[in-house]
């Protein structure tokens, strides 16, 4: 499990100073990858509106605001950038359902174990995978996510990382996660006429191999698509299948 250089550049996306400078320069709001309107079917299917939700690496995105408008009642937003957090606190001080804290996702010890029913990650693991000591940072963050999830809770990861670079991090037996994989095209993508697709519906999970990879015959119609990993924290003891390597729940 090495540093993911597939979409990285020279910036250290795990560095608070980088993000502070970026938010000071850009201001406004920006949603990485997908807006809530595209992700809503997955969020609503797996995370009830009554859940206590943790949004990791919230930045200055409006997704949490959109979720509150859709009925979500309690969203804790954290980010490594104090600039972003201060900005969002001021912006949403009139919305009690939204809370903000400056925090490094590799150490969220301020929260007790099993504090949340849902954790949503839109690009935060990706940023750590581009930073220094990527495998260590990824393990620290995912360990914290696992600790904070209640049994039966959901870690919803939206990423550019395909299963070859993300599954090795997600299927570690210590997390005891069951994983569903979905693939959605980038915003604005239009399927070329006559183009065949392996995907019947974007709302259906992708049948992956025993090792957690896409089947050899799978056609990825949009090379710049986004992958959605729905990781459910099992409340049962580790099964022999999980200990062996991978448990994938494609029936939920």
C-alpha atoms as a PDB file:
ATOM      1  CA  UNK A   1       0.000   0.000   0.000  1.00  0.00           C
ATOM      2  CA  UNK A   2       1.986   2.904  -1.326  1.00  0.00           C
ATOM      3  CA  UNK A   3       1.477   6.594  -1.925  1.00  0.00           C
ATOM      4  CA  UNK A   4      -1.275   7.104  -4.521  1.00  0.00           C
ATOM      5  CA  UNK A   5       0.283   9.196  -7.261  1.00  0.00           C
ATOM      6  CA  UNK A   6      -2.430   8.598  -9.864  1.00  0.00           C
ATOM      7  CA  UNK A   7      -3.935  12.075  -9.427  1.00  0.00           C
ATOM      8  CA  UNK A   8      -1.361  13.828  -7.253  1.00  0.00           C
ATOM      9  CA  UNK A   9       0.794  16.846  -7.941  1.00  0.00           C
ATOM     10  CA  UNK A  10       3.535  18.614  -6.033  1.00  0.00           C
ATOM     11  CA  UNK A  11       1.224  19.935  -3.298  1.00  0.00           C
ATOM     12  CA  UNK A  12       1.121  18.289   0.109  1.00  0.00           C
ATOM     13  CA  UNK A  13      -2.624  17.932   0.569  1.00  0.00           C
ATOM     14  CA  UNK A  14      -2.175  16.641   4.101  1.00  0.00           C
ATOM     15  CA  UNK A  15      -0.639  19.919   5.247  1.00  0.00           C
ATOM     16  CA  UNK A  16      -2.813  22.431   7.132  1.00  0.00           C
ATOM     17  CA  UNK A  17      -0.697  25.342   5.880  1.00  0.00           C
ATOM     18  CA  UNK A  18      -1.499  24.460   2.270  1.00  0.00           C
ATOM     19  CA  UNK A  19      -5.243  24.443   2.937  1.00  0.00           C
ATOM     20  CA  UNK A  20      -5.184  27.598   5.061  1.00  0.00           C
ATOM     21  CA  UNK A  21      -3.474  29.479   2.236  1.00  0.00           C
ATOM     22  CA  UNK A  22      -5.846  28.062  -0.344  1.00  0.00           C
ATOM     23  CA  UNK A  23      -9.001  29.009   1.562  1.00  0.00           C
ATOM     24  CA  UNK A  24      -7.679  32.538   2.208  1.00  0.00           C
ATOM     25  CA  UNK A  25      -6.962  32.945  -1.502  1.00  0.00           C
ATOM     26  CA  UNK A  26     -10.125  31.394  -2.918  1.00  0.00           C
ATOM     27  CA  UNK A  27     -12.880  32.063  -0.382  1.00  0.00           C
ATOM     28  CA  UNK A  28     -16.424  31.228  -1.460  1.00  0.00           C
ATOM     29  CA  UNK A  29     -17.527  27.594  -1.483  1.00  0.00           C
ATOM     30  CA  UNK A  30     -16.476  24.534  -3.431  1.00  0.00           C
ATOM     31  CA  UNK A  31     -17.676  20.924  -3.465  1.00  0.00           C
ATOM     32  CA  UNK A  32     -15.089  18.343  -4.463  1.00  0.00           C
ATOM     33  CA  UNK A  33     -16.075  15.699  -7.021  1.00  0.00           C
ATOM     34  CA  UNK A  34     -19.860  15.617  -6.670  1.00  0.00           C
ATOM     35  CA  UNK A  35     -22.655  17.766  -5.297  1.00  0.00           C
ATOM     36  CA  UNK A  36     -25.170  16.411  -2.801  1.00  0.00           C
ATOM     37  CA  UNK A  37     -27.844  16.131  -5.492  1.00  0.00           C
ATOM     38  CA  UNK A  38     -25.795  13.373  -7.164  1.00  0.00           C
ATOM     39  CA  UNK A  39     -24.874  11.639  -3.911  1.00  0.00           C
ATOM     40  CA  UNK A  40     -28.283  11.909  -2.273  1.00  0.00           C
ATOM     41  CA  UNK A  41     -29.550   8.432  -3.316  1.00  0.00           C
ATOM     42  CA  UNK A  42     -26.551   6.795  -1.652  1.00  0.00           C
ATOM     43  CA  UNK A  43     -26.587   8.983   1.462  1.00  0.00           C
ATOM     44  CA  UNK A  44     -30.321   8.557   2.024  1.00  0.00           C
ATOM     45  CA  UNK A  45     -30.182   4.808   1.381  1.00  0.00           C
ATOM     46  CA  UNK A  46     -27.444   4.119   3.923  1.00  0.00           C
ATOM     47  CA  UNK A  47     -27.554   6.935   6.488  1.00  0.00           C
ATOM     48  CA  UNK A  48     -30.935   7.779   8.108  1.00  0.00           C
ATOM     49  CA  UNK A  49     -31.707  11.465   8.574  1.00  0.00           C
ATOM     50  CA  UNK A  50     -31.831  10.958  12.353  1.00  0.00           C
ATOM     51  CA  UNK A  51     -28.192   9.799  12.396  1.00  0.00           C
ATOM     52  CA  UNK A  52     -25.382  11.709  14.005  1.00  0.00           C
ATOM     53  CA  UNK A  53     -23.080  12.295  11.030  1.00  0.00           C
ATOM     54  CA  UNK A  54     -19.389  13.183  10.867  1.00  0.00           C
ATOM     55  CA  UNK A  55     -18.243  15.039   7.747  1.00  0.00           C
ATOM     56  CA  UNK A  56     -14.462  14.648   7.542  1.00  0.00           C
ATOM     57  CA  UNK A  57     -12.493  17.247   5.604  1.00  0.00           C
ATOM     58  CA  UNK A  58     -15.541  19.469   5.194  1.00  0.00           C
ATOM     59  CA  UNK A  59     -13.624  22.405   3.724  1.00  0.00           C
ATOM     60  CA  UNK A  60     -15.949  25.137   2.471  1.00  0.00           C
ATOM     61  CA  UNK A  61     -18.371  22.766   0.720  1.00  0.00           C
ATOM     62  CA  UNK A  62     -22.141  23.227   0.896  1.00  0.00           C
ATOM     63  CA  UNK A  63     -22.917  19.513   1.099  1.00  0.00           C
ATOM     64  CA  UNK A  64     -23.685  19.599   4.830  1.00  0.00           C
ATOM     65  CA  UNK A  65     -26.009  22.557   4.296  1.00  0.00           C
ATOM     66  CA  UNK A  66     -27.797  20.632   1.553  1.00  0.00           C
ATOM     67  CA  UNK A  67     -28.134  17.618   3.841  1.00  0.00           C
ATOM     68  CA  UNK A  68     -29.743  19.719   6.562  1.00  0.00           C
ATOM     69  CA  UNK A  69     -32.191  21.071   3.997  1.00  0.00           C
ATOM     70  CA  UNK A  70     -32.938  17.430   3.164  1.00  0.00           C
ATOM     71  CA  UNK A  71     -33.797  16.591   6.770  1.00  0.00           C
ATOM     72  CA  UNK A  72     -30.513  15.642   8.455  1.00  0.00           C
ATOM     73  CA  UNK A  73     -30.512  16.746  12.065  1.00  0.00           C
ATOM     74  CA  UNK A  74     -26.956  16.541  13.432  1.00  0.00           C
ATOM     75  CA  UNK A  75     -23.795  16.958  11.338  1.00  0.00           C
ATOM     76  CA  UNK A  76     -20.381  17.490  12.898  1.00  0.00           C
ATOM     77  CA  UNK A  77     -17.966  18.969  10.347  1.00  0.00           C
ATOM     78  CA  UNK A  78     -14.206  18.773  10.861  1.00  0.00           C
ATOM     79  CA  UNK A  79     -11.272  20.031   8.824  1.00  0.00           C
ATOM     80  CA  UNK A  80      -7.554  20.501   9.330  1.00  0.00           C
ATOM     81  CA  UNK A  81      -7.785  24.135   8.197  1.00  0.00           C
ATOM     82  CA  UNK A  82      -8.650  26.641  10.906  1.00  0.00           C
ATOM     83  CA  UNK A  83      -9.357  29.176   8.148  1.00  0.00           C
ATOM     84  CA  UNK A  84     -12.051  26.972   6.635  1.00  0.00           C
ATOM     85  CA  UNK A  85     -13.587  26.151  10.015  1.00  0.00           C
ATOM     86  CA  UNK A  86     -13.738  29.790  11.114  1.00  0.00           C
ATOM     87  CA  UNK A  87     -15.311  30.703   7.794  1.00  0.00           C
ATOM     88  CA  UNK A  88     -17.958  27.988   8.034  1.00  0.00           C
ATOM     89  CA  UNK A  89     -18.750  28.708  11.697  1.00  0.00           C
ATOM     90  CA  UNK A  90     -19.585  32.289  10.776  1.00  0.00           C
ATOM     91  CA  UNK A  91     -21.554  31.272   7.706  1.00  0.00           C
ATOM     92  CA  UNK A  92     -23.726  28.706   9.495  1.00  0.00           C
ATOM     93  CA  UNK A  93     -23.973  30.091  13.016  1.00  0.00           C
ATOM     94  CA  UNK A  94     -27.759  30.319  12.522  1.00  0.00           C
ATOM     95  CA  UNK A  95     -28.111  26.598  11.664  1.00  0.00           C
ATOM     96  CA  UNK A  96     -27.948  24.538  14.903  1.00  0.00           C
ATOM     97  CA  UNK A  97     -27.824  21.238  13.012  1.00  0.00           C
ATOM     98  CA  UNK A  98     -24.348  22.127  11.730  1.00  0.00           C
ATOM     99  CA  UNK A  99     -21.331  22.106  14.049  1.00  0.00           C
ATOM    100  CA  UNK A 100     -17.704  22.793  13.124  1.00  0.00           C
ATOM    101  CA  UNK A 101     -14.361  21.885  14.728  1.00  0.00           C
ATOM    102  CA  UNK A 102     -10.782  22.290  13.563  1.00  0.00           C
ATOM    103  CA  UNK A 103      -9.236  18.837  13.663  1.00  0.00           C
ATOM    104  CA  UNK A 104      -6.748  16.503  11.998  1.00  0.00           C
ATOM    105  CA  UNK A 105      -8.657  13.392  10.898  1.00  0.00           C
ATOM    106  CA  UNK A 106      -5.651  11.280  11.867  1.00  0.00           C
ATOM    107  CA  UNK A 107      -6.369  12.092  15.514  1.00  0.00           C
ATOM    108  CA  UNK A 108      -9.996  12.655  16.459  1.00  0.00           C
ATOM    109  CA  UNK A 109      -9.546  11.571  20.063  1.00  0.00           C
ATOM    110  CA  UNK A 110     -11.793  14.412  21.256  1.00  0.00           C
ATOM    111  CA  UNK A 111     -14.707  12.176  20.240  1.00  0.00           C
ATOM    112  CA  UNK A 112     -15.504   9.040  22.293  1.00  0.00           C
ATOM    113  CA  UNK A 113     -15.686   5.613  20.676  1.00  0.00           C
ATOM    114  CA  UNK A 114     -18.825   4.857  18.667  1.00  0.00           C
ATOM    115  CA  UNK A 115     -19.934   8.495  18.500  1.00  0.00           C
ATOM    116  CA  UNK A 116     -21.451   8.491  15.012  1.00  0.00           C
ATOM    117  CA  UNK A 117     -23.861   6.454  12.898  1.00  0.00           C
ATOM    118  CA  UNK A 118     -22.370   7.803   9.679  1.00  0.00           C
ATOM    119  CA  UNK A 119     -19.060   9.219   8.436  1.00  0.00           C
ATOM    120  CA  UNK A 120     -18.868  10.904   5.031  1.00  0.00           C
ATOM    121  CA  UNK A 121     -15.583  11.461   3.224  1.00  0.00           C
ATOM    122  CA  UNK A 122     -15.510  13.338  -0.071  1.00  0.00           C
ATOM    123  CA  UNK A 123     -11.852  13.527  -1.069  1.00  0.00           C
ATOM    124  CA  UNK A 124     -10.208  13.588   2.358  1.00  0.00           C
ATOM    125  CA  UNK A 125      -8.629  10.136   2.183  1.00  0.00           C
ATOM    126  CA  UNK A 126      -7.507  11.082  -1.327  1.00  0.00           C
ATOM    127  CA  UNK A 127      -5.722  14.159  -0.002  1.00  0.00           C
ATOM    128  CA  UNK A 128      -3.852  12.076   2.572  1.00  0.00           C
ATOM    129  CA  UNK A 129      -2.892   9.563  -0.112  1.00  0.00           C
ATOM    130  CA  UNK A 130      -1.148  12.409  -1.939  1.00  0.00           C
ATOM    131  CA  UNK A 131       0.709  13.563   1.142  1.00  0.00           C
ATOM    132  CA  UNK A 132       3.862  12.466   2.888  1.00  0.00           C
ATOM    133  CA  UNK A 133       3.789   9.096   4.688  1.00  0.00           C
ATOM    134  CA  UNK A 134       0.582   8.277   2.817  1.00  0.00           C
ATOM    135  CA  UNK A 135       0.052   4.665   3.993  1.00  0.00           C
ATOM    136  CA  UNK A 136       0.586   5.646   7.628  1.00  0.00           C
ATOM    137  CA  UNK A 137      -1.719   8.656   7.347  1.00  0.00           C
ATOM    138  CA  UNK A 138      -4.413   6.553   5.658  1.00  0.00           C
ATOM    139  CA  UNK A 139      -4.218   3.896   8.371  1.00  0.00           C
ATOM    140  CA  UNK A 140      -4.419   6.541  11.107  1.00  0.00           C
ATOM    141  CA  UNK A 141      -7.475   8.172   9.579  1.00  0.00           C
ATOM    142  CA  UNK A 142      -9.328   4.942   8.791  1.00  0.00           C
ATOM    143  CA  UNK A 143      -8.549   3.610  12.252  1.00  0.00           C
ATOM    144  CA  UNK A 144     -10.173   6.700  13.733  1.00  0.00           C
ATOM    145  CA  UNK A 145     -13.185   6.389  11.424  1.00  0.00           C
ATOM    146  CA  UNK A 146     -13.639   2.764  12.470  1.00  0.00           C
ATOM    147  CA  UNK A 147     -13.335   3.669  16.146  1.00  0.00           C
ATOM    148  CA  UNK A 148     -15.901   6.440  15.877  1.00  0.00           C
ATOM    149  CA  UNK A 149     -18.514   4.390  14.007  1.00  0.00           C
ATOM    150  CA  UNK A 150     -21.221   2.668  15.967  1.00  0.00           C
ATOM    151  CA  UNK A 151     -21.831  -1.014  15.153  1.00  0.00           C
ATOM    152  CA  UNK A 152     -23.835  -1.058  11.958  1.00  0.00           C
ATOM    153  CA  UNK A 153     -22.606   2.453  11.101  1.00  0.00           C
ATOM    154  CA  UNK A 154     -21.601   3.557   7.610  1.00  0.00           C
ATOM    155  CA  UNK A 155     -18.385   5.066   6.261  1.00  0.00           C
ATOM    156  CA  UNK A 156     -19.284   6.601   2.882  1.00  0.00           C
ATOM    157  CA  UNK A 157     -16.135   7.243   0.856  1.00  0.00           C
ATOM    158  CA  UNK A 158     -16.330   9.220  -2.395  1.00  0.00           C
ATOM    159  CA  UNK A 159     -13.005   9.041  -4.218  1.00  0.00           C
ATOM    160  CA  UNK A 160     -11.196   8.986  -7.540  1.00  0.00           C
ATOM    161  CA  UNK A 161      -9.342   5.870  -6.337  1.00  0.00           C
ATOM    162  CA  UNK A 162     -10.291   2.636  -8.071  1.00  0.00           C
ATOM    163  CA  UNK A 163     -10.402  -0.667  -6.145  1.00  0.00           C
ATOM    164  CA  UNK A 164      -6.753  -1.491  -6.871  1.00  0.00           C
ATOM    165  CA  UNK A 165      -5.616   1.488  -4.751  1.00  0.00           C
ATOM    166  CA  UNK A 166      -8.468   1.824  -2.259  1.00  0.00           C
ATOM    167  CA  UNK A 167      -9.591  -1.710  -1.387  1.00  0.00           C
ATOM    168  CA  UNK A 168      -6.244  -2.671   0.237  1.00  0.00           C
ATOM    169  CA  UNK A 169      -6.852   0.104   2.770  1.00  0.00           C
ATOM    170  CA  UNK A 170     -10.544  -0.651   3.333  1.00  0.00           C
ATOM    171  CA  UNK A 171     -10.517  -4.447   3.732  1.00  0.00           C
ATOM    172  CA  UNK A 172      -8.154  -4.680   6.679  1.00  0.00           C
ATOM    173  CA  UNK A 173      -9.703  -7.228   9.071  1.00  0.00           C
ATOM    174  CA  UNK A 174      -9.223  -4.891  12.042  1.00  0.00           C
ATOM    175  CA  UNK A 175     -12.017  -2.644  10.694  1.00  0.00           C
ATOM    176  CA  UNK A 176     -14.451  -5.506  10.102  1.00  0.00           C
ATOM    177  CA  UNK A 177     -16.155  -3.552   7.304  1.00  0.00           C
ATOM    178  CA  UNK A 178     -18.464  -4.965   4.672  1.00  0.00           C
ATOM    179  CA  UNK A 179     -18.005  -3.017   1.449  1.00  0.00           C
ATOM    180  CA  UNK A 180     -20.372  -2.120  -1.369  1.00  0.00           C
ATOM    181  CA  UNK A 181     -18.902  -0.448  -4.447  1.00  0.00           C
ATOM    182  CA  UNK A 182     -20.709   1.984  -6.742  1.00  0.00           C
ATOM    183  CA  UNK A 183     -19.407   3.976  -9.692  1.00  0.00           C
ATOM    184  CA  UNK A 184     -20.830   7.280 -10.877  1.00  0.00           C
ATOM    185  CA  UNK A 185     -19.631   9.461 -13.763  1.00  0.00           C
ATOM    186  CA  UNK A 186     -18.148  12.878 -13.218  1.00  0.00           C
ATOM    187  CA  UNK A 187     -20.575  15.808 -13.372  1.00  0.00           C
ATOM    188  CA  UNK A 188     -21.492  16.677 -16.945  1.00  0.00           C
ATOM    189  CA  UNK A 189     -20.372  13.358 -18.416  1.00  0.00           C
ATOM    190  CA  UNK A 190     -22.383  12.187 -21.406  1.00  0.00           C
ATOM    191  CA  UNK A 191     -22.192   8.620 -22.638  1.00  0.00           C
ATOM    192  CA  UNK A 192     -21.082   8.516 -26.298  1.00  0.00           C
ATOM    193  CA  UNK A 193     -23.653   7.170 -28.717  1.00  0.00           C
ATOM    194  CA  UNK A 194     -23.249   3.480 -29.297  1.00  0.00           C
ATOM    195  CA  UNK A 195     -20.978   3.096 -26.281  1.00  0.00           C
ATOM    196  CA  UNK A 196     -21.585  -0.121 -24.364  1.00  0.00           C
ATOM    197  CA  UNK A 197     -21.501  -0.121 -20.594  1.00  0.00           C
ATOM    198  CA  UNK A 198     -21.014  -2.705 -17.863  1.00  0.00           C
ATOM    199  CA  UNK A 199     -23.230  -0.636 -15.551  1.00  0.00           C
ATOM    200  CA  UNK A 200     -26.980  -1.266 -15.679  1.00  0.00           C
ATOM    201  CA  UNK A 201     -27.712   1.493 -13.203  1.00  0.00           C
ATOM    202  CA  UNK A 202     -25.471   3.796 -11.200  1.00  0.00           C
ATOM    203  CA  UNK A 203     -27.618   2.961  -8.173  1.00  0.00           C
ATOM    204  CA  UNK A 204     -26.734  -0.736  -8.325  1.00  0.00           C
ATOM    205  CA  UNK A 205     -23.602  -2.048  -6.574  1.00  0.00           C
ATOM    206  CA  UNK A 206     -20.780  -3.251  -8.797  1.00  0.00           C
ATOM    207  CA  UNK A 207     -20.090  -7.004  -8.605  1.00  0.00           C
ATOM    208  CA  UNK A 208     -16.429  -7.206  -7.654  1.00  0.00           C
ATOM    209  CA  UNK A 209     -14.058 -10.156  -7.494  1.00  0.00           C
ATOM    210  CA  UNK A 210     -13.109 -12.163  -4.418  1.00  0.00           C
ATOM    211  CA  UNK A 211     -10.059  -9.916  -4.039  1.00  0.00           C
ATOM    212  CA  UNK A 212     -12.210  -6.785  -4.164  1.00  0.00           C
ATOM    213  CA  UNK A 213     -11.298  -5.787  -7.727  1.00  0.00           C
ATOM    214  CA  UNK A 214     -13.346  -4.981 -10.809  1.00  0.00           C
ATOM    215  CA  UNK A 215     -13.946  -7.995 -13.079  1.00  0.00           C
ATOM    216  CA  UNK A 216     -11.549  -8.229 -16.024  1.00  0.00           C
ATOM    217  CA  UNK A 217     -14.400  -7.750 -18.471  1.00  0.00           C
ATOM    218  CA  UNK A 218     -15.718  -4.634 -16.746  1.00  0.00           C
ATOM    219  CA  UNK A 219     -15.940  -1.578 -19.007  1.00  0.00           C
ATOM    220  CA  UNK A 220     -15.275   1.741 -17.287  1.00  0.00           C
ATOM    221  CA  UNK A 221     -17.217   4.129 -19.512  1.00  0.00           C
ATOM    222  CA  UNK A 222     -15.922   7.318 -17.887  1.00  0.00           C
ATOM    223  CA  UNK A 223     -12.182   7.192 -17.115  1.00  0.00           C
ATOM    224  CA  UNK A 224     -12.616  10.181 -14.782  1.00  0.00           C
ATOM    225  CA  UNK A 225     -15.500   8.650 -12.842  1.00  0.00           C
ATOM    226  CA  UNK A 226     -15.850   8.617  -9.067  1.00  0.00           C
ATOM    227  CA  UNK A 227     -15.983   5.522  -6.917  1.00  0.00           C
ATOM    228  CA  UNK A 228     -18.288   5.281  -3.923  1.00  0.00           C
ATOM    229  CA  UNK A 229     -17.330   2.766  -1.243  1.00  0.00           C
ATOM    230  CA  UNK A 230     -20.040   2.073   1.304  1.00  0.00           C
ATOM    231  CA  UNK A 231     -18.310   0.497   4.297  1.00  0.00           C
ATOM    232  CA  UNK A 232     -20.604  -0.922   6.960  1.00  0.00           C
ATOM    233  CA  UNK A 233     -19.145  -1.651  10.377  1.00  0.00           C
ATOM    234  CA  UNK A 234     -20.166  -5.186  11.236  1.00  0.00           C
ATOM    235  CA  UNK A 235     -21.513  -5.688  14.727  1.00  0.00           C
ATOM    236  CA  UNK A 236     -20.676  -9.393  14.626  1.00  0.00           C
ATOM    237  CA  UNK A 237     -17.447 -11.145  15.527  1.00  0.00           C
ATOM    238  CA  UNK A 238     -14.823 -11.398  12.806  1.00  0.00           C
ATOM    239  CA  UNK A 239     -15.834 -14.130  10.414  1.00  0.00           C
ATOM    240  CA  UNK A 240     -13.392 -16.570   8.879  1.00  0.00           C
ATOM    241  CA  UNK A 241     -14.031 -14.949   5.507  1.00  0.00           C
ATOM    242  CA  UNK A 242     -13.066 -11.549   6.847  1.00  0.00           C
ATOM    243  CA  UNK A 243      -9.979 -12.958   8.497  1.00  0.00           C
ATOM    244  CA  UNK A 244      -9.058 -14.590   5.200  1.00  0.00           C
ATOM    245  CA  UNK A 245      -9.221 -11.304   3.379  1.00  0.00           C
ATOM    246  CA  UNK A 246     -12.469  -9.772   2.196  1.00  0.00           C
ATOM    247  CA  UNK A 247     -16.165  -9.792   2.983  1.00  0.00           C
ATOM    248  CA  UNK A 248     -18.329  -8.022   0.430  1.00  0.00           C
ATOM    249  CA  UNK A 249     -22.025  -7.520   0.975  1.00  0.00           C
ATOM    250  CA  UNK A 250     -23.703  -7.064  -2.388  1.00  0.00           C
ATOM    251  CA  UNK A 251     -27.215  -7.852  -1.234  1.00  0.00           C
ATOM    252  CA  UNK A 252     -28.010  -4.882   0.975  1.00  0.00           C
END
